[in-house]
């Protein structure tokens, strides 16, 4: 059987989500880090958008996180990422869409551009005004997440599922840069600590961005 290969960029939330889902499902893959901004990036021959993640399984090429999560769901016969409860399935899809659209547009597109993309692409120092705007919007999203964590066992309901993996992927990148004041959000912090303790999360805690070390508590399971 041919080897399955995941092409990913360690600090791309979609790539992290794919890694978490594959790890949670215990599906073995060879991880191949890529730099999508470079002209010779292998992604350009695999995904028309040139974006990570891409999972290659034999002759099957799965482009970006939604396709990969769907494939993982198929491999686990719908038992891992979703529950059979209709309300929780609907909530899982709502939260996934929220992170993929609203959170990405309002938070990640600003904070990760300023904190990560600018240094990587040598686009100059972060803009204070943009950082303030991104952090204010992040705060509003964290209020919503804190309320969910206070009311439920997991984000979408009674068991861990796709919404938790998607949220953890996004928040873990921000946590690397110290953008989340966890003490302000005790319910969310408890949820994130439980996520960090899962075996699928451990590879993410060893990720390092050259020239930008993580915040001190990044790889601490009991922070």
Foldseek 3Di string as FASTA:
>chain_A
DDAKEKEEALLDLQSQLLLLLCVQLVPDHHYDYFDLVDPPTPLVVQDVVSHDIWMDDPPDIQHTRVSSNVVSCVVVVNPAAADPDPQLRVLLVVLLVCCVPVVCVQAVVQVCCQPPVCVVVVVDHGDPVSVVRNLVVVVVVLVVQLVQLVVAVANSHDDDHSSLSSVLSVVLSCQQAPSDPCVVRVSVVVSNLVVLPDPSNQVSLPDQDPPRGGDPCSNPSPD
